[in-house]
Amino acid sequence: MKKTKYVIGDILFILIAGFMASIPLLNKGVDGAVYQDLQFHLSRIESIKEGLLAGEFPLMMQSVWMEGKGYPVSIFYGDALLYVAAIFRMVGIPVVTSYKIFVWLANFATAASALICFKHIFGKNGSLCDIKDQDSIALKKDIRVLAPSYISAFLYVTASYRLMDIFVRAAVGEYLSFIFFPIIALAMFNILSEDVSGKNYFKNSLLLTLGMTGLVETHLLSTVMTTFLLALVCILYAKRTFRKRTLLCILAAIGETIAVNLYFFVPFLDYYIHEPVYAGKGGDHSQAMQIRESGAYISQLFDFFGHIFGINIDDPDYRMQLTIGLALMFALLVSFILFVAMFRKYKIFVVGAMSVLTIWMSTNMFPWNSLEGYTHLFKLLSNVQFPWRYMAAAVTFVSVLVGMIISGLVEKKRSIGLAFSGLLAVAAVATTLSFSSEYKNNYYMVNFAEYSEVDSGYMGACEYLKPGTTLDITQYIPENEQLDRYEIVREKGNKIVVYVTNSSSSSYVEIPKINYKGYKAFDDKGKKMDISNGYLNLINVSVPAGYDGEITVKFKQPVLWRISEIVSLLSVVLLAVLCKKNNQ
């Protein structure tokens, strides 16, 4: 009965926290400001839907972009969770409605992940006081665990930066990554704890693999940032890190993550190295080296109730809200005071230092430009485009820090600890309601029902276009007037069949697909035909004199890609079997 009561309490918390973070969804439509990313991600979802309907799995080349010209988003951008939204579209749910349901689910998933992981962290590893091992393993449901877990999870889910990610920026990959940060935090707490038993180390390596895989499959930039920050944490815990079992655990997690995600890494590296696209190659569409100016202003960190909409320009009056929120900022200040006065524990120092560092890195006060110019590491890290992306990590570190402080307060001064918890909860509710009100009053409403209403040429910085391709291609329709006959017979996903008659000398047929690596052309007898780059990098297929028949052009994954998919699938199966065996 007691266990049932706690389960019901957890479910109620997840529903309440998820609902609080979803209040803006109760408005009609969603914000569709043209300078944010909503339509970009709607095209990703629609492409996955079309790919599944065409029998393409896993999808690599997305077909709907630029009026069907194609765009390799899935090769560069993990999209595993977007299949959920694509299924909603497959069953006929309107575009924006599918997206809103997806956001609801993401909020509930984030609340569940945060609560479950924080309960485990504060049940033992995050506590500042001694808790008996048998109590921690069973996650004894007392106030020492419940108070920090519920408050930290609530502050995490309703953090201002996270809400801004969802409702202002429509940064789908980044707000999905919030589901996995608590899992990574729990894994690192476990790995760097005093417990070095072999059985637990397999579980912990698997836990870290799960968290990092979630990042790879949702937001590669968050993966890079997190890897860097985890390396710093390991350095700060050098004595515990450089233990044989600890190193083996971390190396196992790295190997498992690579194996499970090999199906993504192989195409990504293949295209990154061999396919000339703007991403990572420089050129007009690449991020400028000087990114410091894009960082959040110090004044913005304390702008808790101001306007939430805007763009990344110099004038602070026209900038979007960039803060982790009132509750987390206040908690960080109080934690610093309590660290000096009461809790001089090294774990508090590490989590607190990482909190301050990540906030500093998100601002224009961090020397990004200088560091980027002199070190390869920061040149890599500057690919985050905007320094304020580090606020996602700051939200995680501060949320964990708050829970650790509350845990210690409740243990030593229960009434003060509970009062502090209540104050933080009230502050979080206040800023969340203020955000929701500001959103309702000022959002630019769009309510797309069909994908035809979405701008398929909205592509952000066009990172994955080939040099020489411009957005003029969106409206360009090949006519092939040099041929006697040119007709599109059928088109589905990344496969197009055209009928061509060429009675004169050798010529070519222009196909309305961008010539990315992987496209192949075949005549009506299945014989391979030569293709080349045409106008704006469209596919040109060589047509011999006197040819009269169909030509099929389709995207075929290289053999190496297919092998990597098999390896990933086998890795998942093997890890599942080992996990089941380990739990017996």
Protein backbone atom coordinates (compact mmCIF):
# COMPACT_ATOMS: atom_id res chain seq x y z
CA MET A 1 0.00 0.00 0.00
CA LYS A 2 2.81 2.40 0.91
CA LYS A 3 4.62 1.63 -2.35
CA THR A 4 1.43 2.27 -4.30
CA LYS A 5 1.04 5.64 -2.57
CA TYR A 6 4.50 6.74 -3.66
CA VAL A 7 3.91 5.54 -7.22
CA ILE A 8 0.69 7.55 -7.38
CA GLY A 9 2.56 10.56 -5.99
CA ASP A 10 5.24 10.22 -8.65
CA ILE A 11 2.65 9.95 -11.41
CA LEU A 12 0.84 13.03 -10.12
CA PHE A 13 4.09 14.95 -10.01
CA ILE A 14 4.95 13.99 -13.60
CA LEU A 15 1.49 15.05 -14.77
CA ILE A 16 1.60 18.36 -12.88
CA ALA A 17 5.15 19.27 -13.87
CA GLY A 18 4.54 18.24 -17.47
CA PHE A 19 1.32 20.26 -17.55
CA MET A 20 2.96 23.37 -16.09
CA ALA A 21 5.63 23.22 -18.79
CA SER A 22 2.95 22.76 -21.46
CA ILE A 23 0.51 25.58 -20.63
CA PRO A 24 1.36 27.56 -23.81
CA LEU A 25 0.15 24.55 -25.82
CA LEU A 26 -3.39 25.31 -24.65
CA ASN A 27 -3.42 28.31 -27.00
CA LYS A 28 -4.53 27.91 -30.60
CA GLY A 29 -1.67 26.87 -32.87
CA VAL A 30 1.94 27.57 -31.95
CA ASP A 31 4.41 30.39 -32.39
CA GLY A 32 5.73 30.36 -35.95
CA ALA A 33 8.07 33.34 -36.12
CA VAL A 34 10.03 33.06 -39.36
CA TYR A 35 13.40 33.62 -37.67
CA GLN A 36 13.03 30.55 -35.45
CA ASP A 37 13.15 26.83 -36.22
CA LEU A 38 9.55 25.57 -36.21
CA GLN A 39 9.14 25.07 -39.95
CA PHE A 40 12.59 23.48 -40.21
CA HIS A 41 11.57 20.74 -37.79
CA LEU A 42 8.09 20.35 -39.26
CA SER A 43 9.81 19.52 -42.56
CA ARG A 44 11.93 16.93 -40.78
CA ILE A 45 8.83 15.28 -39.33
CA GLU A 46 7.01 15.34 -42.67
CA SER A 47 10.03 13.86 -44.45
CA ILE A 48 10.15 10.97 -41.98
CA LYS A 49 6.44 10.37 -42.57
CA GLU A 50 6.93 10.32 -46.34
CA GLY A 51 9.97 8.09 -45.98
CA LEU A 52 8.09 5.55 -43.89
CA LEU A 53 5.19 5.53 -46.34
CA ALA A 54 7.72 4.89 -49.13
CA GLY A 55 9.25 1.99 -47.20
CA GLU A 56 12.51 3.78 -46.43
CA PHE A 57 13.92 2.84 -43.03
CA PRO A 58 16.00 4.11 -41.48
CA LEU A 59 15.50 7.32 -43.43
CA MET A 60 18.70 9.05 -44.51
CA MET A 61 17.83 11.39 -47.38
CA GLN A 62 14.77 13.53 -46.59
CA SER A 63 12.54 14.06 -49.62
CA VAL A 64 10.12 16.93 -49.01
CA TRP A 65 12.58 19.82 -48.76
CA MET A 66 12.62 22.55 -51.43
CA GLU A 67 9.48 21.24 -53.11
CA GLY A 68 10.82 17.69 -53.24
CA LYS A 69 14.44 18.40 -54.22
CA GLY A 70 15.74 16.53 -51.15
CA TYR A 71 18.03 17.39 -48.24
CA PRO A 72 20.31 15.05 -46.18
CA VAL A 73 19.11 16.21 -42.75
CA SER A 74 18.85 12.71 -41.27
CA ILE A 75 22.50 12.06 -42.16
CA PHE A 76 23.69 15.04 -40.12
CA TYR A 77 20.96 15.32 -37.48
CA GLY A 78 19.75 12.45 -35.28
CA ASP A 79 15.99 12.10 -35.52
CA ALA A 80 15.02 8.84 -33.81
CA LEU A 81 12.43 10.43 -31.50
CA LEU A 82 10.84 12.37 -34.37
CA TYR A 83 9.48 9.08 -35.69
CA VAL A 84 6.84 9.40 -32.96
CA ALA A 85 5.58 12.69 -34.41
CA ALA A 86 5.81 11.22 -37.92
CA ILE A 87 3.50 8.37 -36.91
CA PHE A 88 0.93 10.94 -35.76
CA ARG A 89 1.11 12.44 -39.24
CA MET A 90 0.78 9.02 -40.86
CA VAL A 91 -2.58 8.45 -39.18
CA GLY A 92 -3.89 11.78 -40.44
CA ILE A 93 -3.38 14.13 -37.49
CA PRO A 94 -2.82 17.73 -38.74
CA VAL A 95 0.73 19.09 -38.87
CA VAL A 96 0.67 21.49 -35.90
CA THR A 97 -1.57 19.21 -33.83
CA SER A 98 0.92 16.36 -34.28
CA TYR A 99 3.70 18.67 -33.20
CA LYS A 100 1.82 19.85 -30.10
CA ILE A 101 1.07 16.27 -29.01
CA PHE A 102 4.77 15.54 -29.47
CA VAL A 103 5.72 18.48 -27.22
CA TRP A 104 3.27 17.29 -24.53
CA LEU A 105 4.92 13.87 -24.59
CA ALA A 106 8.41 15.41 -24.48
CA ASN A 107 7.47 17.41 -21.37
CA PHE A 108 6.07 14.38 -19.58
CA ALA A 109 9.11 12.30 -20.58
CA THR A 110 11.44 15.01 -19.26
CA ALA A 111 9.54 15.18 -15.96
CA ALA A 112 9.67 11.39 -15.58
CA SER A 113 13.36 11.18 -16.44
CA ALA A 114 14.28 14.01 -14.06
CA LEU A 115 12.26 12.63 -11.15
CA ILE A 116 13.45 9.04 -11.48
CA CYS A 117 17.12 9.98 -11.88
CA PHE A 118 17.12 12.65 -9.17
CA LYS A 119 15.52 10.20 -6.72
CA HIS A 120 18.40 7.83 -7.29
CA ILE A 121 20.99 10.60 -7.05
CA PHE A 122 19.63 12.10 -3.85
CA GLY A 123 18.92 8.68 -2.39
CA LYS A 124 22.61 8.21 -1.87
CA ASN A 125 25.24 9.85 -4.05
CA GLY A 126 23.89 13.39 -3.90
CA SER A 127 23.22 13.41 -0.18
CA LEU A 128 25.46 15.54 2.00
CA CYS A 129 24.78 13.38 5.02
CA ASP A 130 25.27 9.72 5.79
CA ILE A 131 22.43 7.50 4.56
CA LYS A 132 22.62 3.80 5.24
CA ASP A 133 23.33 1.75 2.16
CA GLN A 134 20.25 -0.44 2.55
CA ASP A 135 18.10 2.68 2.63
CA SER A 136 19.74 4.18 -0.45
CA ILE A 137 19.49 1.00 -2.50
CA ALA A 138 15.79 0.69 -1.71
CA LEU A 139 15.38 4.44 -2.25
CA LYS A 140 13.74 4.89 1.12
CA LYS A 141 10.78 7.21 0.56
CA ASP A 142 11.34 9.82 3.25
CA ILE A 143 11.61 13.56 3.15
CA ARG A 144 15.39 13.42 2.61
CA VAL A 145 14.81 11.98 -0.85
CA LEU A 146 11.37 13.30 -1.80
CA ALA A 147 11.97 17.00 -1.10
CA PRO A 148 15.15 17.43 -3.18
CA SER A 149 13.92 15.10 -5.92
CA TYR A 150 10.55 16.77 -6.45
CA ILE A 151 11.87 20.33 -6.21
CA SER A 152 14.92 19.75 -8.41
CA ALA A 153 12.86 17.94 -11.03
CA PHE A 154 10.20 20.68 -11.02
CA LEU A 155 12.80 23.43 -11.40
CA TYR A 156 14.49 21.46 -14.15
CA VAL A 157 11.32 20.89 -16.18
CA THR A 158 10.07 24.49 -15.83
CA ALA A 159 13.47 26.20 -16.26
CA SER A 160 13.05 29.39 -18.26
CA TYR A 161 15.72 28.43 -20.79
CA ARG A 162 14.01 25.09 -21.44
CA LEU A 163 10.64 26.78 -21.98
CA MET A 164 12.29 29.26 -24.32
CA ASP A 165 13.81 26.33 -26.24
CA ILE A 166 10.38 24.79 -26.71
CA PHE A 167 8.05 27.71 -27.34
CA VAL A 168 10.22 30.52 -28.71
CA ARG A 169 13.07 28.84 -30.57
CA ALA A 170 11.24 25.59 -31.39
CA ALA A 171 14.66 23.99 -30.90
CA VAL A 172 13.38 20.42 -31.08
CA GLY A 173 16.74 18.66 -30.81
CA GLU A 174 17.84 20.75 -27.86
CA TYR A 175 14.67 20.43 -25.81
CA LEU A 176 14.58 16.69 -26.44
CA SER A 177 18.13 16.47 -25.07
CA PHE A 178 16.74 17.57 -21.69
CA ILE A 179 15.21 14.09 -21.40
CA PHE A 180 18.68 12.56 -21.30
CA PHE A 181 20.78 14.98 -19.23
CA PRO A 182 19.45 13.55 -15.91
CA ILE A 183 20.30 10.03 -17.07
CA ILE A 184 23.88 11.09 -17.79
CA ALA A 185 24.06 12.88 -14.43
CA LEU A 186 22.92 9.74 -12.60
CA ALA A 187 25.39 7.57 -14.52
CA MET A 188 28.31 9.87 -13.65
CA PHE A 189 27.29 10.07 -9.98
CA ASN A 190 27.25 6.28 -9.87
CA ILE A 191 30.49 5.80 -11.79
CA LEU A 192 32.41 8.30 -9.65
CA SER A 193 30.97 7.03 -6.38
CA GLU A 194 32.88 4.88 -3.93
CA ASP A 195 31.11 1.74 -5.15
CA VAL A 196 33.42 -0.06 -7.58
CA SER A 197 31.70 -3.45 -7.80
CA GLY A 198 31.85 -5.10 -11.20
CA LYS A 199 28.13 -5.83 -11.40
CA ASN A 200 27.15 -2.21 -10.87
CA TYR A 201 29.77 -1.00 -13.28
CA PHE A 202 28.10 -2.78 -16.18
CA LYS A 203 24.79 -1.19 -15.23
CA ASN A 204 26.42 2.21 -14.98
CA SER A 205 28.17 1.90 -18.33
CA LEU A 206 24.82 0.95 -19.85
CA LEU A 207 23.17 3.92 -18.15
CA LEU A 208 25.78 6.31 -19.55
CA THR A 209 25.37 4.70 -22.96
CA LEU A 210 21.62 5.27 -22.81
CA GLY A 211 22.06 8.93 -21.94
CA MET A 212 24.71 9.64 -24.56
CA THR A 213 22.79 7.70 -27.20
CA GLY A 214 19.79 9.90 -26.47
CA LEU A 215 21.92 12.98 -27.15
CA VAL A 216 23.39 11.55 -30.35
CA GLU A 217 19.89 10.74 -31.60
CA THR A 218 18.47 14.17 -30.76
CA HIS A 219 21.11 16.90 -30.84
CA LEU A 220 24.71 16.38 -31.90
CA LEU A 221 25.81 19.79 -30.63
CA SER A 222 24.62 18.86 -27.14
CA THR A 223 26.62 15.65 -27.45
CA VAL A 224 29.81 17.63 -28.14
CA MET A 225 29.17 20.05 -25.27
CA THR A 226 28.32 17.26 -22.84
CA THR A 227 31.41 15.24 -23.74
CA PHE A 228 33.59 18.26 -23.02
CA LEU A 229 31.88 18.98 -19.69
CA LEU A 230 32.04 15.35 -18.59
CA ALA A 231 35.77 15.37 -19.30
CA LEU A 232 36.11 18.37 -16.98
CA VAL A 233 34.15 16.59 -14.25
CA CYS A 234 36.38 13.54 -14.61
CA ILE A 235 39.46 15.75 -14.25
CA LEU A 236 38.02 17.34 -11.11
CA TYR A 237 37.46 13.83 -9.79
CA ALA A 238 40.83 12.59 -11.04
CA LYS A 239 41.48 10.28 -8.09
CA ARG A 240 38.22 8.45 -8.66
CA THR A 241 38.38 8.64 -12.42
CA PHE A 242 41.79 7.04 -12.75
CA ARG A 243 40.80 3.82 -11.06
CA LYS A 244 40.98 0.68 -13.16
CA ARG A 245 37.29 -0.17 -12.86
CA THR A 246 36.22 3.42 -13.40
CA LEU A 247 38.25 3.74 -16.58
CA LEU A 248 36.97 0.39 -17.81
CA CYS A 249 33.41 1.50 -17.16
CA ILE A 250 33.84 4.77 -19.06
CA LEU A 251 35.64 3.05 -21.94
CA ALA A 252 32.87 0.43 -22.06
CA ALA A 253 30.25 3.19 -22.26
CA ILE A 254 32.18 4.87 -25.09
CA GLY A 255 32.41 1.60 -27.00
CA GLU A 256 28.77 0.76 -26.42
CA THR A 257 27.65 4.22 -27.53
CA ILE A 258 29.68 4.00 -30.73
CA ALA A 259 28.40 0.50 -31.51
CA VAL A 260 24.74 1.33 -30.88
CA ASN A 261 24.93 4.52 -32.95
CA LEU A 262 27.22 3.25 -35.68
CA TYR A 263 24.34 3.42 -38.16
CA PHE A 264 24.33 7.20 -37.62
CA PHE A 265 28.07 7.81 -37.28
CA VAL A 266 29.08 6.02 -40.51
CA PRO A 267 26.82 8.03 -42.88
CA PHE A 268 27.59 11.21 -40.95
CA LEU A 269 31.36 10.80 -41.30
CA ASP A 270 31.03 9.63 -44.90
CA TYR A 271 29.15 12.80 -45.86
CA TYR A 272 31.19 15.08 -43.62
CA ILE A 273 34.45 13.89 -45.21
CA HIS A 274 33.44 13.15 -48.78
CA GLU A 275 30.34 15.19 -49.65
CA PRO A 276 30.95 18.92 -50.22
CA VAL A 277 28.34 20.61 -48.05
CA TYR A 278 28.59 23.87 -46.15
CA ALA A 279 28.62 22.25 -42.70
CA GLY A 280 32.19 22.34 -41.44
CA LYS A 281 33.60 23.45 -44.78
CA GLY A 282 33.45 27.24 -44.40
CA GLY A 283 31.74 29.49 -46.92
CA ASP A 284 28.81 31.85 -46.83
CA HIS A 285 26.59 29.60 -44.73
CA SER A 286 29.09 28.59 -42.02
CA GLN A 287 29.07 30.08 -38.56
CA ALA A 288 31.41 33.04 -38.25
CA MET A 289 34.40 32.45 -36.02
CA GLN A 290 33.62 35.37 -33.72
CA ILE A 291 30.80 33.92 -31.62
CA ARG A 292 31.41 35.78 -28.35
CA GLU A 293 29.07 38.63 -29.31
CA SER A 294 26.20 36.17 -29.59
CA GLY A 295 26.48 35.24 -25.91
CA ALA A 296 23.87 36.22 -23.37
CA TYR A 297 24.30 39.59 -21.68
CA ILE A 298 24.73 39.53 -17.91
CA SER A 299 21.55 41.62 -17.59
CA GLN A 300 19.64 38.92 -19.46
CA LEU A 301 20.51 36.33 -16.83
CA PHE A 302 18.34 38.30 -14.39
CA ASP A 303 15.53 39.18 -16.82
CA PHE A 304 13.03 36.77 -15.27
CA PHE A 305 9.75 38.46 -16.18
CA GLY A 306 10.64 40.40 -19.33
CA HIS A 307 9.67 39.80 -22.93
CA ILE A 308 10.46 36.30 -24.16
CA PHE A 309 10.47 36.78 -27.93
CA GLY A 310 13.27 38.22 -30.01
CA ILE A 311 16.34 37.44 -32.08
CA ASN A 312 20.07 37.27 -31.47
CA ILE A 313 21.06 40.92 -32.12
CA ASP A 314 23.02 43.49 -30.14
CA ASP A 315 20.04 45.49 -28.83
CA PRO A 316 18.90 43.79 -25.57
CA ASP A 317 15.38 45.19 -26.07
CA TYR A 318 14.97 42.95 -29.11
CA ARG A 319 16.68 39.86 -27.77
CA MET A 320 14.80 36.77 -26.71
CA GLN A 321 14.86 35.77 -23.05
CA LEU A 322 18.16 34.10 -22.09
CA THR A 323 18.17 32.99 -18.46
CA ILE A 324 17.94 29.72 -16.57
CA GLY A 325 15.19 31.34 -14.48
CA LEU A 326 14.51 33.03 -11.17
CA ALA A 327 14.29 29.87 -9.06
CA LEU A 328 17.54 28.37 -10.33
CA MET A 329 19.48 31.64 -10.18
CA PHE A 330 18.26 32.31 -6.63
CA ALA A 331 19.04 28.74 -5.63
CA LEU A 332 22.55 29.06 -7.05
CA LEU A 333 23.18 32.15 -4.91
CA VAL A 334 21.83 30.50 -1.76
CA SER A 335 23.86 27.37 -2.49
CA PHE A 336 27.02 29.44 -2.62
CA ILE A 337 26.21 30.98 0.77
CA LEU A 338 25.38 27.61 2.31
CA PHE A 339 28.52 26.07 0.87
CA VAL A 340 30.61 28.65 2.71
CA ALA A 341 28.55 28.53 5.90
CA MET A 342 27.52 24.86 6.24
CA PHE A 343 28.28 22.37 3.49
CA ARG A 344 31.95 22.46 2.62
CA LYS A 345 31.82 19.24 0.66
CA TYR A 346 33.90 18.59 -2.43
CA LYS A 347 30.89 17.32 -4.39
CA ILE A 348 29.17 20.65 -3.74
CA PHE A 349 32.25 22.46 -4.97
CA VAL A 350 32.41 20.43 -8.19
CA VAL A 351 28.73 20.75 -9.10
CA GLY A 352 28.71 24.42 -8.07
CA ALA A 353 31.85 25.17 -10.07
CA MET A 354 30.40 23.49 -13.15
CA SER A 355 27.18 25.48 -12.67
CA VAL A 356 29.06 28.77 -12.62
CA LEU A 357 31.34 27.73 -15.50
CA THR A 358 28.48 26.78 -17.82
CA ILE A 359 26.61 30.00 -17.06
CA TRP A 360 29.79 31.97 -17.73
CA MET A 361 30.37 30.09 -20.99
CA SER A 362 26.84 31.01 -22.11
CA THR A 363 27.54 34.75 -21.84
CA ASN A 364 29.44 37.30 -23.91
CA MET A 365 31.86 37.65 -20.99
CA PHE A 366 33.54 34.32 -21.77
CA PRO A 367 36.62 34.81 -24.03
CA TRP A 368 35.32 32.64 -26.86
CA ASN A 369 37.02 34.55 -29.66
CA SER A 370 40.49 34.46 -28.12
CA LEU A 371 40.32 30.81 -27.11
CA GLU A 372 38.90 29.75 -30.45
CA GLY A 373 41.74 31.40 -32.29
CA TYR A 374 44.47 29.63 -30.32
CA THR A 375 43.17 26.18 -29.44
CA HIS A 376 41.75 23.37 -31.57
CA LEU A 377 39.50 22.34 -28.67
CA PHE A 378 37.67 25.65 -28.50
CA LYS A 379 37.53 25.85 -32.26
CA LEU A 380 35.55 22.61 -32.08
CA LEU A 381 33.42 23.84 -29.19
CA SER A 382 32.63 27.08 -31.01
CA ASN A 383 30.60 25.02 -33.49
CA VAL A 384 27.75 25.30 -31.00
CA GLN A 385 27.05 28.53 -32.97
CA PHE A 386 25.57 30.36 -29.97
CA PRO A 387 27.30 30.33 -26.56
CA TRP A 388 23.99 30.49 -24.71
CA ARG A 389 23.39 26.85 -25.67
CA TYR A 390 25.50 26.07 -22.58
CA MET A 391 22.51 27.17 -20.49
CA ALA A 392 21.06 23.70 -21.07
CA ALA A 393 24.02 22.23 -19.18
CA ALA A 394 23.75 24.99 -16.57
CA VAL A 395 20.12 24.07 -15.92
CA THR A 396 21.19 20.48 -15.26
CA PHE A 397 24.10 21.32 -12.97
CA VAL A 398 22.15 23.90 -10.94
CA SER A 399 19.16 21.55 -10.60
CA VAL A 400 21.42 18.84 -9.16
CA LEU A 401 23.15 21.39 -6.92
CA VAL A 402 19.79 22.56 -5.55
CA GLY A 403 18.78 19.01 -4.72
CA MET A 404 22.04 18.36 -2.88
CA ILE A 405 21.62 21.53 -0.80
CA ILE A 406 17.98 20.77 0.01
CA SER A 407 18.92 17.23 0.98
CA GLY A 408 21.48 18.56 3.47
CA LEU A 409 19.14 21.26 4.81
CA VAL A 410 16.29 18.82 5.37
CA GLU A 411 18.61 16.48 7.21
CA LYS A 412 20.07 19.17 9.50
CA LYS A 413 17.35 21.84 9.65
CA ARG A 414 14.18 20.27 8.30
CA SER A 415 11.89 23.27 8.68
CA ILE A 416 14.36 25.58 6.90
CA GLY A 417 14.90 23.01 4.17
CA LEU A 418 11.17 22.62 3.54
CA ALA A 419 10.63 26.39 3.61
CA PHE A 420 13.44 26.86 1.10
CA SER A 421 11.92 24.15 -1.08
CA GLY A 422 8.51 25.81 -0.96
CA LEU A 423 9.99 29.20 -1.84
CA LEU A 424 11.74 27.75 -4.88
CA ALA A 425 8.56 26.01 -5.99
CA VAL A 426 6.59 29.26 -5.75
CA ALA A 427 9.28 31.11 -7.73
CA ALA A 428 9.22 28.43 -10.43
CA VAL A 429 5.43 28.56 -10.69
CA ALA A 430 5.48 32.37 -10.86
CA THR A 431 8.03 32.52 -13.69
CA THR A 432 6.30 29.71 -15.57
CA LEU A 433 2.94 31.47 -15.42
CA SER A 434 4.58 34.76 -16.39
CA PHE A 435 6.20 33.04 -19.38
CA SER A 436 2.88 31.48 -20.40
CA SER A 437 1.09 34.84 -20.15
CA GLU A 438 3.77 36.62 -22.20
CA TYR A 439 3.55 33.86 -24.79
CA LYS A 440 -0.24 34.10 -25.06
CA ASN A 441 -0.14 37.86 -25.51
CA ASN A 442 2.64 38.05 -28.09
CA TYR A 443 3.10 34.81 -30.02
CA TYR A 444 2.82 34.78 -33.81
CA MET A 445 0.19 32.11 -34.28
CA VAL A 446 0.43 29.52 -37.05
CA ASN A 447 -1.83 26.48 -37.23
CA PHE A 448 -0.76 24.46 -40.26
CA ALA A 449 -3.12 21.62 -41.03
CA GLU A 450 -1.39 20.32 -44.16
CA TYR A 451 2.28 20.31 -45.02
CA SER A 452 1.58 22.32 -48.17
CA GLU A 453 1.17 25.33 -45.84
CA VAL A 454 4.74 24.91 -44.53
CA ASP A 455 7.67 26.59 -46.29
CA SER A 456 9.73 23.62 -47.51
CA GLY A 457 12.56 26.03 -48.36
CA TYR A 458 13.00 27.17 -44.76
CA MET A 459 16.38 25.63 -43.97
CA GLY A 460 18.02 27.71 -41.27
CA ALA A 461 21.63 28.40 -42.21
CA CYS A 462 21.48 25.88 -45.11
CA GLU A 463 24.33 23.91 -43.53
CA TYR A 464 23.72 20.78 -45.60
CA LEU A 465 23.46 22.36 -49.05
CA LYS A 466 26.19 21.76 -51.60
CA PRO A 467 28.21 24.84 -52.63
CA GLY A 468 26.60 26.31 -55.71
CA THR A 469 23.08 25.42 -54.65
CA THR A 470 20.86 28.36 -53.73
CA LEU A 471 17.31 28.56 -52.47
CA ASP A 472 16.23 29.56 -55.99
CA ILE A 473 16.10 25.82 -56.54
CA THR A 474 12.92 25.62 -54.47
CA GLN A 475 10.81 27.15 -57.25
CA TYR A 476 12.80 25.74 -60.16
CA ILE A 477 11.01 23.11 -62.27
CA PRO A 478 13.06 21.24 -64.91
CA GLU A 479 11.48 21.39 -68.38
CA ASN A 480 14.07 19.46 -70.43
CA GLU A 481 13.08 21.15 -73.68
CA GLN A 482 16.02 19.54 -75.50
CA LEU A 483 14.22 16.18 -75.28
CA ASP A 484 11.33 15.03 -77.47
CA ARG A 485 9.45 13.88 -74.40
CA TYR A 486 9.91 14.36 -70.67
CA GLU A 487 7.26 13.27 -68.18
CA ILE A 488 7.33 12.43 -64.47
CA VAL A 489 5.58 9.05 -64.29
CA ARG A 490 5.59 8.59 -60.53
CA GLU A 491 7.41 9.87 -57.50
CA LYS A 492 7.47 8.52 -53.96
CA GLY A 493 9.94 9.42 -51.25
CA ASN A 494 13.43 9.55 -52.74
CA LYS A 495 12.48 7.58 -55.87
CA ILE A 496 11.35 9.23 -59.07
CA VAL A 497 10.52 7.64 -62.43
CA VAL A 498 10.49 9.74 -65.60
CA TYR A 499 9.64 8.83 -69.19
CA VAL A 500 12.14 10.15 -71.72
CA THR A 501 12.24 10.17 -75.52
CA ASN A 502 15.46 11.37 -77.14
CA SER A 503 15.49 10.90 -80.93
CA SER A 504 18.53 13.10 -81.55
CA SER A 505 22.14 12.84 -80.39
CA SER A 506 23.25 11.98 -76.87
CA SER A 507 21.77 14.36 -74.32
CA TYR A 508 20.75 14.44 -70.68
CA VAL A 509 17.59 14.63 -68.59
CA GLU A 510 17.44 16.98 -65.63
CA ILE A 511 15.88 15.36 -62.55
CA PRO A 512 14.28 17.52 -59.80
CA LYS A 513 16.55 16.07 -57.10
CA ILE A 514 19.81 17.53 -55.76
CA ASN A 515 22.71 15.27 -56.68
CA TYR A 516 23.83 14.07 -53.25
CA LYS A 517 26.00 11.01 -52.84
CA GLY A 518 23.82 7.91 -52.93
CA TYR A 519 21.55 8.71 -55.85
CA LYS A 520 21.63 6.17 -58.69
CA ALA A 521 19.95 6.14 -62.11
CA PHE A 522 18.76 3.08 -64.08
CA ASP A 523 17.19 2.59 -67.48
CA ASP A 524 14.05 0.53 -68.08
CA LYS A 525 16.17 -2.64 -68.29
CA GLY A 526 17.86 -2.01 -64.93
CA LYS A 527 21.15 -0.90 -66.44
CA LYS A 528 22.99 1.78 -64.49
CA MET A 529 23.18 5.21 -66.15
CA ASP A 530 25.71 7.99 -65.60
CA ILE A 531 24.70 11.00 -63.52
CA SER A 532 26.38 14.37 -62.99
CA ASN A 533 25.76 17.78 -61.43
CA GLY A 534 23.47 20.02 -63.42
CA TYR A 535 21.96 23.44 -62.84
CA LEU A 536 22.10 24.31 -59.09
CA ASN A 537 23.51 20.79 -58.52
CA LEU A 538 20.38 19.02 -59.74
CA ILE A 539 20.86 15.50 -61.06
CA ASN A 540 21.64 15.22 -64.76
CA VAL A 541 21.24 11.73 -66.22
CA SER A 542 23.04 11.00 -69.49
CA VAL A 543 20.57 9.84 -72.16
CA PRO A 544 21.90 8.05 -75.25
CA ALA A 545 20.67 8.91 -78.73
CA GLY A 546 17.46 7.14 -79.68
CA TYR A 547 16.47 6.31 -76.11
CA ASP A 548 12.74 5.89 -75.54
CA GLY A 549 11.66 4.60 -72.14
CA GLU A 550 11.57 5.06 -68.41
CA ILE A 551 14.48 6.20 -66.25
CA THR A 552 14.44 5.50 -62.53
CA VAL A 553 16.41 7.65 -60.11
CA LYS A 554 16.53 6.64 -56.46
CA PHE A 555 18.61 7.06 -53.35
CA LYS A 556 20.44 3.87 -52.39
CA GLN A 557 22.42 3.57 -49.17
CA PRO A 558 26.00 2.35 -49.70
CA VAL A 559 26.82 -1.17 -48.51
CA LEU A 560 28.95 0.20 -45.68
CA TRP A 561 25.95 2.09 -44.33
CA ARG A 562 23.85 -1.06 -44.36
CA ILE A 563 26.58 -2.98 -42.56
CA SER A 564 26.70 -0.29 -39.86
CA GLU A 565 22.93 -0.64 -39.40
CA ILE A 566 23.30 -4.38 -38.83
CA VAL A 567 26.11 -3.79 -36.33
CA SER A 568 23.98 -1.27 -34.43
CA LEU A 569 21.01 -3.62 -34.33
CA LEU A 570 23.14 -6.54 -33.12
CA SER A 571 24.73 -4.28 -30.49
CA VAL A 572 21.34 -3.30 -29.11
CA VAL A 573 20.26 -6.94 -28.95
CA LEU A 574 23.52 -8.02 -27.29
CA LEU A 575 23.35 -5.26 -24.67
CA ALA A 576 19.71 -6.14 -23.94
CA VAL A 577 20.62 -9.80 -23.42
CA LEU A 578 23.58 -8.92 -21.18
CA CYS A 579 21.41 -6.51 -19.20
CA LYS A 580 18.78 -9.19 -18.63
CA LYS A 581 21.44 -11.72 -17.65
CA ASN A 582 23.07 -9.22 -15.29
CA ASN A 583 19.76 -8.63 -13.50
CA GLN A 584 19.13 -12.31 -12.87
